[in-house]
């Protein structure tokens, strides 16, 4: 399962409104090759289920994860920070053995 913190939920709702996006849009979380640690997170708005997707809903936010990415993301929490150490969505992934300084890439 992939979960969403209250702060991340509020930011997702704010960004959807700011971009004028309507409807039952959730977020798609995926893992792709790349980055300084070997794997990178990809996060974007999406409202369409693909045949191999797993769908989780937490705090009213739908999270779409493809079958391949799910292997890397089980138990991950999507958070948002706007503190001094950086602003943006953060992935608290218990499967990551190493993450880069920016938090956008990881390895298992």
PDB file of N, CA and C in Angstrom:
ATOM      1  N   UNK A   1       0.833  -1.189   0.000  1.00  0.00           N
ATOM      2  CA  UNK A   1       0.000   0.000   0.000  1.00  0.00           C
ATOM      3  C   UNK A   1       0.880   1.257   0.000  1.00  0.00           C
ATOM      4  N   UNK A   2       0.421   2.281  -0.679  1.00  0.00           N
ATOM      5  CA  UNK A   2       1.070   3.589  -0.678  1.00  0.00           C
ATOM      6  C   UNK A   2       0.117   4.543   0.032  1.00  0.00           C
ATOM      7  N   UNK A   3       0.627   5.273   1.026  1.00  0.00           N
ATOM      8  CA  UNK A   3      -0.213   6.176   1.805  1.00  0.00           C
ATOM      9  C   UNK A   3       0.179   7.629   1.557  1.00  0.00           C
ATOM     10  N   UNK A   4      -0.692   8.535   1.998  1.00  0.00           N
ATOM     11  CA  UNK A   4      -0.511   9.967   1.793  1.00  0.00           C
ATOM     12  C   UNK A   4      -0.670  10.660   3.142  1.00  0.00           C
ATOM     13  N   UNK A   5       0.275  11.529   3.496  1.00  0.00           N
ATOM     14  CA  UNK A   5       0.128  12.285   4.742  1.00  0.00           C
ATOM     15  C   UNK A   5      -0.918  13.382   4.548  1.00  0.00           C
ATOM     16  N   UNK A   6      -1.382  13.921   5.638  1.00  0.00           N
ATOM     17  CA  UNK A   6      -2.364  15.012   5.596  1.00  0.00           C
ATOM     18  C   UNK A   6      -1.783  16.230   4.862  1.00  0.00           C
ATOM     19  N   UNK A   7      -0.504  16.511   5.087  1.00  0.00           N
ATOM     20  CA  UNK A   7       0.152  17.662   4.430  1.00  0.00           C
ATOM     21  C   UNK A   7       0.224  17.445   2.921  1.00  0.00           C
ATOM     22  N   UNK A   8       0.575  16.226   2.498  1.00  0.00           N
ATOM     23  CA  UNK A   8       0.645  15.914   1.070  1.00  0.00           C
ATOM     24  C   UNK A   8      -0.741  15.988   0.441  1.00  0.00           C
ATOM     25  N   UNK A   9      -1.744  15.483   1.133  1.00  0.00           N
ATOM     26  CA  UNK A   9      -3.128  15.551   0.642  1.00  0.00           C
ATOM     27  C   UNK A   9      -3.526  16.997   0.387  1.00  0.00           C
ATOM     28  N   UNK A  10      -3.276  17.863   1.348  1.00  0.00           N
ATOM     29  CA  UNK A  10      -3.637  19.275   1.197  1.00  0.00           C
ATOM     30  C   UNK A  10      -2.898  19.922   0.035  1.00  0.00           C
ATOM     31  N   UNK A  11      -1.635  19.572  -0.165  1.00  0.00           N
ATOM     32  CA  UNK A  11      -0.853  20.145  -1.265  1.00  0.00           C
ATOM     33  C   UNK A  11      -1.365  19.643  -2.618  1.00  0.00           C
ATOM     34  N   UNK A  12      -1.744  18.373  -2.683  1.00  0.00           N
ATOM     35  CA  UNK A  12      -2.294  17.821  -3.923  1.00  0.00           C
ATOM     36  C   UNK A  12      -3.580  18.555  -4.281  1.00  0.00           C
ATOM     37  N   UNK A  13      -4.453  18.749  -3.312  1.00  0.00           N
ATOM     38  CA  UNK A  13      -5.715  19.470  -3.545  1.00  0.00           C
ATOM     39  C   UNK A  13      -5.435  20.904  -3.985  1.00  0.00           C
ATOM     40  N   UNK A  14      -4.484  21.554  -3.334  1.00  0.00           N
ATOM     41  CA  UNK A  14      -4.116  22.933  -3.685  1.00  0.00           C
ATOM     42  C   UNK A  14      -3.582  23.014  -5.115  1.00  0.00           C
ATOM     43  N   UNK A  15      -2.715  22.097  -5.494  1.00  0.00           N
ATOM     44  CA  UNK A  15      -2.130  22.119  -6.836  1.00  0.00           C
ATOM     45  C   UNK A  15      -3.168  21.811  -7.915  1.00  0.00           C
ATOM     46  N   UNK A  16      -4.078  20.892  -7.631  1.00  0.00           N
ATOM     47  CA  UNK A  16      -5.159  20.598  -8.588  1.00  0.00           C
ATOM     48  C   UNK A  16      -5.987  21.859  -8.833  1.00  0.00           C
ATOM     49  N   UNK A  17      -6.346  22.567  -7.754  1.00  0.00           N
ATOM     50  CA  UNK A  17      -7.145  23.789  -7.885  1.00  0.00           C
ATOM     51  C   UNK A  17      -6.372  24.872  -8.634  1.00  0.00           C
ATOM     52  N   UNK A  18      -5.102  25.032  -8.288  1.00  0.00           N
ATOM     53  CA  UNK A  18      -4.263  26.060  -8.923  1.00  0.00           C
ATOM     54  C   UNK A  18      -4.133  25.823 -10.424  1.00  0.00           C
ATOM     55  N   UNK A  19      -4.033  24.538 -10.816  1.00  0.00           N
ATOM     56  CA  UNK A  19      -3.882  24.198 -12.229  1.00  0.00           C
ATOM     57  C   UNK A  19      -5.224  24.085 -12.950  1.00  0.00           C
ATOM     58  N   UNK A  20      -6.331  24.305 -12.219  1.00  0.00           N
ATOM     59  CA  UNK A  20      -7.648  24.231 -12.829  1.00  0.00           C
ATOM     60  C   UNK A  20      -8.055  22.820 -13.197  1.00  0.00           C
ATOM     61  N   UNK A  21      -7.512  21.836 -12.520  1.00  0.00           N
ATOM     62  CA  UNK A  21      -7.821  20.439 -12.816  1.00  0.00           C
ATOM     63  C   UNK A  21      -9.042  20.022 -12.019  1.00  0.00           C
ATOM     64  N   UNK A  22     -10.007  19.478 -12.719  1.00  0.00           N
ATOM     65  CA  UNK A  22     -11.252  19.089 -12.085  1.00  0.00           C
ATOM     66  C   UNK A  22     -11.435  17.583 -12.185  1.00  0.00           C
ATOM     67  N   UNK A  23     -12.485  17.102 -11.552  1.00  0.00           N
ATOM     68  CA  UNK A  23     -12.809  15.685 -11.629  1.00  0.00           C
ATOM     69  C   UNK A  23     -12.119  14.890 -10.543  1.00  0.00           C
ATOM     70  N   UNK A  24     -12.131  13.600 -10.727  1.00  0.00           N
ATOM     71  CA  UNK A  24     -11.623  12.674  -9.729  1.00  0.00           C
ATOM     72  C   UNK A  24     -10.159  12.322 -10.019  1.00  0.00           C
ATOM     73  N   UNK A  25      -9.330  13.343 -10.096  1.00  0.00           N
ATOM     74  CA  UNK A  25      -7.921  13.115 -10.392  1.00  0.00           C
ATOM     75  C   UNK A  25      -7.181  12.653  -9.160  1.00  0.00           C
ATOM     76  N   UNK A  26      -6.374  11.634  -9.345  1.00  0.00           N
ATOM     77  CA  UNK A  26      -5.478  11.186  -8.291  1.00  0.00           C
ATOM     78  C   UNK A  26      -4.053  11.471  -8.709  1.00  0.00           C
ATOM     79  N   UNK A  27      -3.134  10.771  -8.093  1.00  0.00           N
ATOM     80  CA  UNK A  27      -1.735  10.911  -8.472  1.00  0.00           C
ATOM     81  C   UNK A  27      -1.197   9.548  -8.898  1.00  0.00           C
ATOM     82  N   UNK A  28      -0.347   9.583  -9.895  1.00  0.00           N
ATOM     83  CA  UNK A  28       0.346   8.380 -10.342  1.00  0.00           C
ATOM     84  C   UNK A  28       1.760   8.451  -9.798  1.00  0.00           C
ATOM     85  N   UNK A  29       2.143   7.399  -9.079  1.00  0.00           N
ATOM     86  CA  UNK A  29       3.496   7.289  -8.535  1.00  0.00           C
ATOM     87  C   UNK A  29       4.174   6.137  -9.263  1.00  0.00           C
ATOM     88  N   UNK A  30       5.343   6.407  -9.816  1.00  0.00           N
ATOM     89  CA  UNK A  30       6.066   5.378 -10.557  1.00  0.00           C
ATOM     90  C   UNK A  30       7.550   5.432 -10.206  1.00  0.00           C
ATOM     91  N   UNK A  31       8.215   4.344 -10.534  1.00  0.00           N
ATOM     92  CA  UNK A  31       9.663   4.253 -10.358  1.00  0.00           C
ATOM     93  C   UNK A  31      10.270   4.038 -11.732  1.00  0.00           C
ATOM     94  N   UNK A  32      11.304   4.817 -12.030  1.00  0.00           N
ATOM     95  CA  UNK A  32      12.000   4.726 -13.313  1.00  0.00           C
ATOM     96  C   UNK A  32      13.489   4.614 -13.059  1.00  0.00           C
ATOM     97  N   UNK A  33      14.198   4.059 -14.007  1.00  0.00           N
ATOM     98  CA  UNK A  33      15.649   3.995 -13.913  1.00  0.00           C
ATOM     99  C   UNK A  33      16.243   5.379 -14.071  1.00  0.00           C
ATOM    100  N   UNK A  34      17.336   5.658 -13.323  1.00  0.00           N
ATOM    101  CA  UNK A  34      18.009   6.941 -13.449  1.00  0.00           C
ATOM    102  C   UNK A  34      18.361   7.533 -12.111  1.00  0.00           C
ATOM    103  N   UNK A  35      18.823   8.756 -12.143  1.00  0.00           N
ATOM    104  CA  UNK A  35      19.210   9.437 -10.914  1.00  0.00           C
ATOM    105  C   UNK A  35      20.557   8.960 -10.414  1.00  0.00           C
ATOM    106  N   UNK A  36      21.066   9.610  -9.408  1.00  0.00           N
ATOM    107  CA  UNK A  36      22.404   9.291  -8.914  1.00  0.00           C
ATOM    108  C   UNK A  36      22.439   7.999  -8.101  1.00  0.00           C
ATOM    109  N   UNK A  37      21.263   7.495  -7.676  1.00  0.00           N
ATOM    110  CA  UNK A  37      21.243   6.256  -6.902  1.00  0.00           C
ATOM    111  C   UNK A  37      20.703   5.068  -7.700  1.00  0.00           C
ATOM    112  N   UNK A  38      20.312   5.298  -8.944  1.00  0.00           N
ATOM    113  CA  UNK A  38      19.890   4.204  -9.808  1.00  0.00           C
ATOM    114  C   UNK A  38      18.403   4.159 -10.135  1.00  0.00           C
ATOM    115  N   UNK A  39      17.543   4.603  -9.223  1.00  0.00           N
ATOM    116  CA  UNK A  39      16.104   4.622  -9.456  1.00  0.00           C
ATOM    117  C   UNK A  39      15.554   5.989  -9.075  1.00  0.00           C
ATOM    118  N   UNK A  40      14.535   6.435  -9.803  1.00  0.00           N
ATOM    119  CA  UNK A  40      13.943   7.755  -9.542  1.00  0.00           C
ATOM    120  C   UNK A  40      12.433   7.622  -9.384  1.00  0.00           C
ATOM    121  N   UNK A  41      11.879   8.505  -8.576  1.00  0.00           N
ATOM    122  CA  UNK A  41      10.433   8.582  -8.424  1.00  0.00           C
ATOM    123  C   UNK A  41       9.859   9.496  -9.494  1.00  0.00           C
ATOM    124  N   UNK A  42       8.659   9.167  -9.956  1.00  0.00           N
ATOM    125  CA  UNK A  42       7.925  10.022 -10.878  1.00  0.00           C
ATOM    126  C   UNK A  42       6.532  10.222 -10.285  1.00  0.00           C
ATOM    127  N   UNK A  43       6.078  11.453 -10.217  1.00  0.00           N
ATOM    128  CA  UNK A  43       4.793  11.784  -9.617  1.00  0.00           C
ATOM    129  C   UNK A  43       4.062  12.741 -10.543  1.00  0.00           C
ATOM    130  N   UNK A  44       2.822  12.394 -10.909  1.00  0.00           N
ATOM    131  CA  UNK A  44       2.040  13.265 -11.767  1.00  0.00           C
ATOM    132  C   UNK A  44       0.546  13.035 -11.522  1.00  0.00           C
ATOM    133  N   UNK A  45      -0.260  14.001 -11.909  1.00  0.00           N
ATOM    134  CA  UNK A  45      -1.706  13.846 -11.787  1.00  0.00           C
ATOM    135  C   UNK A  45      -2.193  12.855 -12.825  1.00  0.00           C
ATOM    136  N   UNK A  46      -3.162  12.033 -12.439  1.00  0.00           N
ATOM    137  CA  UNK A  46      -3.747  11.063 -13.361  1.00  0.00           C
ATOM    138  C   UNK A  46      -5.112  10.677 -12.829  1.00  0.00           C
ATOM    139  N   UNK A  47      -6.007  10.342 -13.706  1.00  0.00           N
ATOM    140  CA  UNK A  47      -7.333   9.923 -13.302  1.00  0.00           C
ATOM    141  C   UNK A  47      -7.786   8.671 -14.013  1.00  0.00           C
ATOM    142  N   UNK A  48      -6.871   8.048 -14.739  1.00  0.00           N
ATOM    143  CA  UNK A  48      -7.233   6.913 -15.557  1.00  0.00           C
ATOM    144  C   UNK A  48      -6.477   5.655 -15.132  1.00  0.00           C
ATOM    145  N   UNK A  49      -7.224   4.620 -14.822  1.00  0.00           N
ATOM    146  CA  UNK A  49      -6.603   3.354 -14.438  1.00  0.00           C
ATOM    147  C   UNK A  49      -6.131   2.606 -15.672  1.00  0.00           C
ATOM    148  N   UNK A  50      -4.914   2.114 -15.602  1.00  0.00           N
ATOM    149  CA  UNK A  50      -4.351   1.286 -16.675  1.00  0.00           C
ATOM    150  C   UNK A  50      -4.529  -0.181 -16.281  1.00  0.00           C
ATOM    151  N   UNK A  51      -4.455  -1.080 -17.249  1.00  0.00           N
ATOM    152  CA  UNK A  51      -4.728  -2.499 -16.955  1.00  0.00           C
ATOM    153  C   UNK A  51      -3.864  -3.115 -15.850  1.00  0.00           C
ATOM    154  N   UNK A  52      -2.634  -2.673 -15.693  1.00  0.00           N
ATOM    155  CA  UNK A  52      -1.756  -3.289 -14.685  1.00  0.00           C
ATOM    156  C   UNK A  52      -1.633  -2.461 -13.408  1.00  0.00           C
ATOM    157  N   UNK A  53      -2.499  -1.467 -13.242  1.00  0.00           N
ATOM    158  CA  UNK A  53      -2.422  -0.586 -12.078  1.00  0.00           C
ATOM    159  C   UNK A  53      -2.989  -1.222 -10.817  1.00  0.00           C
ATOM    160  N   UNK A  54      -2.415  -0.844  -9.711  1.00  0.00           N
ATOM    161  CA  UNK A  54      -2.989  -1.050  -8.392  1.00  0.00           C
ATOM    162  C   UNK A  54      -3.444   0.333  -7.939  1.00  0.00           C
ATOM    163  N   UNK A  55      -4.615   0.411  -7.343  1.00  0.00           N
ATOM    164  CA  UNK A  55      -5.140   1.698  -6.892  1.00  0.00           C
ATOM    165  C   UNK A  55      -5.307   1.648  -5.381  1.00  0.00           C
ATOM    166  N   UNK A  56      -4.741   2.659  -4.739  1.00  0.00           N
ATOM    167  CA  UNK A  56      -4.887   2.820  -3.301  1.00  0.00           C
ATOM    168  C   UNK A  56      -5.590   4.147  -3.083  1.00  0.00           C
ATOM    169  N   UNK A  57      -6.395   4.219  -2.056  1.00  0.00           N
ATOM    170  CA  UNK A  57      -7.020   5.498  -1.722  1.00  0.00           C
ATOM    171  C   UNK A  57      -6.754   5.773  -0.253  1.00  0.00           C
ATOM    172  N   UNK A  58      -6.183   6.940   0.013  1.00  0.00           N
ATOM    173  CA  UNK A  58      -5.868   7.337   1.371  1.00  0.00           C
ATOM    174  C   UNK A  58      -6.226   8.807   1.540  1.00  0.00           C
ATOM    175  N   UNK A  59      -6.995   9.099   2.561  1.00  0.00           N
ATOM    176  CA  UNK A  59      -7.427  10.474   2.866  1.00  0.00           C
ATOM    177  C   UNK A  59      -8.137  11.123   1.677  1.00  0.00           C
ATOM    178  N   UNK A  60      -8.839  10.301   0.890  1.00  0.00           N
ATOM    179  CA  UNK A  60      -9.591  10.807  -0.251  1.00  0.00           C
ATOM    180  C   UNK A  60      -8.765  11.008  -1.508  1.00  0.00           C
ATOM    181  N   UNK A  61      -7.491  10.658  -1.483  1.00  0.00           N
ATOM    182  CA  UNK A  61      -6.611  10.796  -2.654  1.00  0.00           C
ATOM    183  C   UNK A  61      -6.365   9.417  -3.257  1.00  0.00           C
ATOM    184  N   UNK A  62      -6.672   9.281  -4.546  1.00  0.00           N
ATOM    185  CA  UNK A  62      -6.373   8.032  -5.244  1.00  0.00           C
ATOM    186  C   UNK A  62      -4.909   8.032  -5.660  1.00  0.00           C
ATOM    187  N   UNK A  63      -4.257   6.907  -5.442  1.00  0.00           N
ATOM    188  CA  UNK A  63      -2.856   6.737  -5.822  1.00  0.00           C
ATOM    189  C   UNK A  63      -2.788   5.566  -6.790  1.00  0.00           C
ATOM    190  N   UNK A  64      -2.345   5.841  -8.021  1.00  0.00           N
ATOM    191  CA  UNK A  64      -2.199   4.818  -9.048  1.00  0.00           C
ATOM    192  C   UNK A  64      -0.739   4.378  -9.096  1.00  0.00           C
ATOM    193  N   UNK A  65      -0.518   3.072  -9.046  1.00  0.00           N
ATOM    194  CA  UNK A  65       0.840   2.522  -9.102  1.00  0.00           C
ATOM    195  C   UNK A  65       0.831   1.346 -10.067  1.00  0.00           C
ATOM    196  N   UNK A  66       1.719   1.372 -11.055  1.00  0.00           N
ATOM    197  CA  UNK A  66       1.794   0.243 -11.977  1.00  0.00           C
ATOM    198  C   UNK A  66       2.441  -0.959 -11.284  1.00  0.00           C
ATOM    199  N   UNK A  67       2.220  -2.115 -11.850  1.00  0.00           N
ATOM    200  CA  UNK A  67       2.647  -3.380 -11.239  1.00  0.00           C
ATOM    201  C   UNK A  67       4.154  -3.425 -10.968  1.00  0.00           C
ATOM    202  N   UNK A  68       4.958  -2.955 -11.905  1.00  0.00           N
ATOM    203  CA  UNK A  68       6.413  -2.982 -11.748  1.00  0.00           C
ATOM    204  C   UNK A  68       6.872  -2.047 -10.632  1.00  0.00           C
ATOM    205  N   UNK A  69       6.301  -0.858 -10.590  1.00  0.00           N
ATOM    206  CA  UNK A  69       6.698   0.121  -9.573  1.00  0.00           C
ATOM    207  C   UNK A  69       6.274  -0.309  -8.174  1.00  0.00           C
ATOM    208  N   UNK A  70       5.162  -1.052  -8.093  1.00  0.00           N
ATOM    209  CA  UNK A  70       4.653  -1.458  -6.788  1.00  0.00           C
ATOM    210  C   UNK A  70       5.686  -2.260  -6.005  1.00  0.00           C
ATOM    211  N   UNK A  71       6.496  -3.049  -6.690  1.00  0.00           N
ATOM    212  CA  UNK A  71       7.525  -3.844  -6.014  1.00  0.00           C
ATOM    213  C   UNK A  71       8.486  -2.973  -5.220  1.00  0.00           C
ATOM    214  N   UNK A  72       8.737  -1.761  -5.714  1.00  0.00           N
ATOM    215  CA  UNK A  72       9.651  -0.829  -5.047  1.00  0.00           C
ATOM    216  C   UNK A  72       8.939   0.086  -4.042  1.00  0.00           C
ATOM    217  N   UNK A  73       7.612   0.215  -4.171  1.00  0.00           N
ATOM    218  CA  UNK A  73       6.893   1.237  -3.414  1.00  0.00           C
ATOM    219  C   UNK A  73       6.032   0.715  -2.267  1.00  0.00           C
ATOM    220  N   UNK A  74       5.961  -0.579  -2.072  1.00  0.00           N
ATOM    221  CA  UNK A  74       5.119  -1.128  -1.002  1.00  0.00           C
ATOM    222  C   UNK A  74       5.515  -0.505   0.336  1.00  0.00           C
ATOM    223  N   UNK A  75       4.541   0.056   1.016  1.00  0.00           N
ATOM    224  CA  UNK A  75       4.778   0.659   2.324  1.00  0.00           C
ATOM    225  C   UNK A  75       5.256   2.098   2.282  1.00  0.00           C
ATOM    226  N   UNK A  76       5.331   2.692   1.102  1.00  0.00           N
ATOM    227  CA  UNK A  76       5.829   4.062   0.964  1.00  0.00           C
ATOM    228  C   UNK A  76       4.772   5.073   1.389  1.00  0.00           C
ATOM    229  N   UNK A  77       5.225   6.141   2.024  1.00  0.00           N
ATOM    230  CA  UNK A  77       4.359   7.239   2.418  1.00  0.00           C
ATOM    231  C   UNK A  77       4.758   8.481   1.622  1.00  0.00           C
ATOM    232  N   UNK A  78       3.772   9.087   0.976  1.00  0.00           N
ATOM    233  CA  UNK A  78       3.987  10.326   0.230  1.00  0.00           C
ATOM    234  C   UNK A  78       3.765  11.484   1.179  1.00  0.00           C
ATOM    235  N   UNK A  79       4.764  12.351   1.308  1.00  0.00           N
ATOM    236  CA  UNK A  79       4.702  13.474   2.223  1.00  0.00           C
ATOM    237  C   UNK A  79       5.046  14.745   1.453  1.00  0.00           C
ATOM    238  N   UNK A  80       4.884  15.885   2.079  1.00  0.00           N
ATOM    239  CA  UNK A  80       5.264  17.161   1.480  1.00  0.00           C
ATOM    240  C   UNK A  80       5.956  18.004   2.528  1.00  0.00           C
ATOM    241  N   UNK A  81       7.038  18.650   2.125  1.00  0.00           N
ATOM    242  CA  UNK A  81       7.772  19.510   3.036  1.00  0.00           C
ATOM    243  C   UNK A  81       8.034  20.844   2.357  1.00  0.00           C
ATOM    244  N   UNK A  82       7.921  21.910   3.123  1.00  0.00           N
ATOM    245  CA  UNK A  82       8.292  23.220   2.595  1.00  0.00           C
ATOM    246  C   UNK A  82       9.253  23.899   3.554  1.00  0.00           C
ATOM    247  N   UNK A  83      10.079  23.094   4.200  1.00  0.00           N
ATOM    248  CA  UNK A  83      11.030  23.603   5.183  1.00  0.00           C
ATOM    249  C   UNK A  83      12.309  24.122   4.559  1.00  0.00           C
ATOM    250  N   UNK A  84      13.242  24.444   5.397  1.00  0.00           N
ATOM    251  CA  UNK A  84      14.522  25.007   4.956  1.00  0.00           C
ATOM    252  C   UNK A  84      15.366  24.014   4.170  1.00  0.00           C
ATOM    253  N   UNK A  85      15.169  22.726   4.399  1.00  0.00           N
ATOM    254  CA  UNK A  85      15.973  21.707   3.716  1.00  0.00           C
ATOM    255  C   UNK A  85      15.431  21.349   2.347  1.00  0.00           C
ATOM    256  N   UNK A  86      14.457  22.046   1.888  1.00  0.00           N
ATOM    257  CA  UNK A  86      13.925  21.793   0.560  1.00  0.00           C
ATOM    258  C   UNK A  86      12.416  21.785   0.562  1.00  0.00           C
ATOM    259  N   UNK A  87      11.860  22.052  -0.601  1.00  0.00           N
ATOM    260  CA  UNK A  87      10.420  22.119  -0.751  1.00  0.00           C
ATOM    261  C   UNK A  87       9.999  21.118  -1.799  1.00  0.00           C
ATOM    262  N   UNK A  88       8.976  20.362  -1.486  1.00  0.00           N
ATOM    263  CA  UNK A  88       8.442  19.437  -2.473  1.00  0.00           C
ATOM    264  C   UNK A  88       7.942  18.156  -1.843  1.00  0.00           C
ATOM    265  N   UNK A  89       7.461  17.289  -2.708  1.00  0.00           N
ATOM    266  CA  UNK A  89       6.980  15.992  -2.263  1.00  0.00           C
ATOM    267  C   UNK A  89       8.155  15.107  -1.911  1.00  0.00           C
ATOM    268  N   UNK A  90       7.966  14.337  -0.865  1.00  0.00           N
ATOM    269  CA  UNK A  90       9.001  13.422  -0.389  1.00  0.00           C
ATOM    270  C   UNK A  90       8.413  12.029  -0.299  1.00  0.00           C
ATOM    271  N   UNK A  91       9.248  11.048  -0.562  1.00  0.00           N
ATOM    272  CA  UNK A  91       8.841   9.652  -0.500  1.00  0.00           C
ATOM    273  C   UNK A  91       9.550   8.996   0.679  1.00  0.00           C
ATOM    274  N   UNK A  92       8.778   8.553   1.646  1.00  0.00           N
ATOM    275  CA  UNK A  92       9.344   7.822   2.782  1.00  0.00           C
ATOM    276  C   UNK A  92       9.174   6.349   2.464  1.00  0.00           C
ATOM    277  N   UNK A  93      10.237   5.793   1.878  1.00  0.00           N
ATOM    278  CA  UNK A  93      10.195   4.442   1.322  1.00  0.00           C
ATOM    279  C   UNK A  93      10.996   3.478   2.190  1.00  0.00           C
ATOM    280  N   UNK A  94      10.336   2.538   2.870  1.00  0.00           N
ATOM    281  CA  UNK A  94      11.048   1.599   3.723  1.00  0.00           C
ATOM    282  C   UNK A  94      11.884   0.583   2.946  1.00  0.00           C
ATOM    283  N   UNK A  95      11.683   0.497   1.634  1.00  0.00           N
ATOM    284  CA  UNK A  95      12.420  -0.453   0.797  1.00  0.00           C
ATOM    285  C   UNK A  95      13.743   0.113   0.300  1.00  0.00           C
ATOM    286  N   UNK A  96      13.936   1.414   0.416  1.00  0.00           N
ATOM    287  CA  UNK A  96      15.145   2.062  -0.095  1.00  0.00           C
ATOM    288  C   UNK A  96      16.307   1.822   0.869  1.00  0.00           C
ATOM    289  N   UNK A  97      17.378   1.262   0.346  1.00  0.00           N
ATOM    290  CA  UNK A  97      18.562   1.051   1.177  1.00  0.00           C
ATOM    291  C   UNK A  97      19.468   2.274   1.172  1.00  0.00           C
ATOM    292  N   UNK A  98      19.304   3.122   0.145  1.00  0.00           N
ATOM    293  CA  UNK A  98      20.121   4.331   0.032  1.00  0.00           C
ATOM    294  C   UNK A  98      19.336   5.359  -0.766  1.00  0.00           C
ATOM    295  N   UNK A  99      19.407   6.618  -0.360  1.00  0.00           N
ATOM    296  CA  UNK A  99      18.771   7.695  -1.108  1.00  0.00           C
ATOM    297  C   UNK A  99      19.807   8.790  -1.360  1.00  0.00           C
ATOM    298  N   UNK A 100      19.575   9.563  -2.393  1.00  0.00           N
ATOM    299  CA  UNK A 100      20.488  10.666  -2.677  1.00  0.00           C
ATOM    300  C   UNK A 100      20.127  11.862  -1.791  1.00  0.00           C
ATOM    301  N   UNK A 101      20.955  12.857  -1.806  1.00  0.00           N
ATOM    302  CA  UNK A 101      20.740  14.036  -0.973  1.00  0.00           C
ATOM    303  C   UNK A 101      19.489  14.802  -1.302  1.00  0.00           C
ATOM    304  N   UNK A 102      19.068  14.795  -2.563  1.00  0.00           N
ATOM    305  CA  UNK A 102      17.870  15.537  -2.942  1.00  0.00           C
ATOM    306  C   UNK A 102      16.602  14.745  -2.665  1.00  0.00           C
ATOM    307  N   UNK A 103      16.715  13.449  -2.443  1.00  0.00           N
ATOM    308  CA  UNK A 103      15.561  12.618  -2.146  1.00  0.00           C
ATOM    309  C   UNK A 103      14.769  12.165  -3.357  1.00  0.00           C
ATOM    310  N   UNK A 104      15.276  12.471  -4.548  1.00  0.00           N
ATOM    311  CA  UNK A 104      14.547  12.096  -5.754  1.00  0.00           C
ATOM    312  C   UNK A 104      14.982  10.766  -6.327  1.00  0.00           C
ATOM    313  N   UNK A 105      16.084  10.216  -5.873  1.00  0.00           N
ATOM    314  CA  UNK A 105      16.488   8.900  -6.368  1.00  0.00           C
ATOM    315  C   UNK A 105      16.891   8.027  -5.180  1.00  0.00           C
ATOM    316  N   UNK A 106      16.863   6.712  -5.457  1.00  0.00           N
ATOM    317  CA  UNK A 106      17.129   5.746  -4.391  1.00  0.00           C
ATOM    318  C   UNK A 106      17.629   4.450  -4.995  1.00  0.00           C
ATOM    319  N   UNK A 107      18.069   3.546  -4.147  1.00  0.00           N
ATOM    320  CA  UNK A 107      18.427   2.202  -4.563  1.00  0.00           C
ATOM    321  C   UNK A 107      17.887   1.224  -3.524  1.00  0.00           C
ATOM    322  N   UNK A 108      17.751  -0.029  -3.956  1.00  0.00           N
ATOM    323  CA  UNK A 108      17.246  -1.061  -3.043  1.00  0.00           C
ATOM    324  C   UNK A 108      18.279  -2.155  -2.870  1.00  0.00           C
TER     325      UNK A 108
END
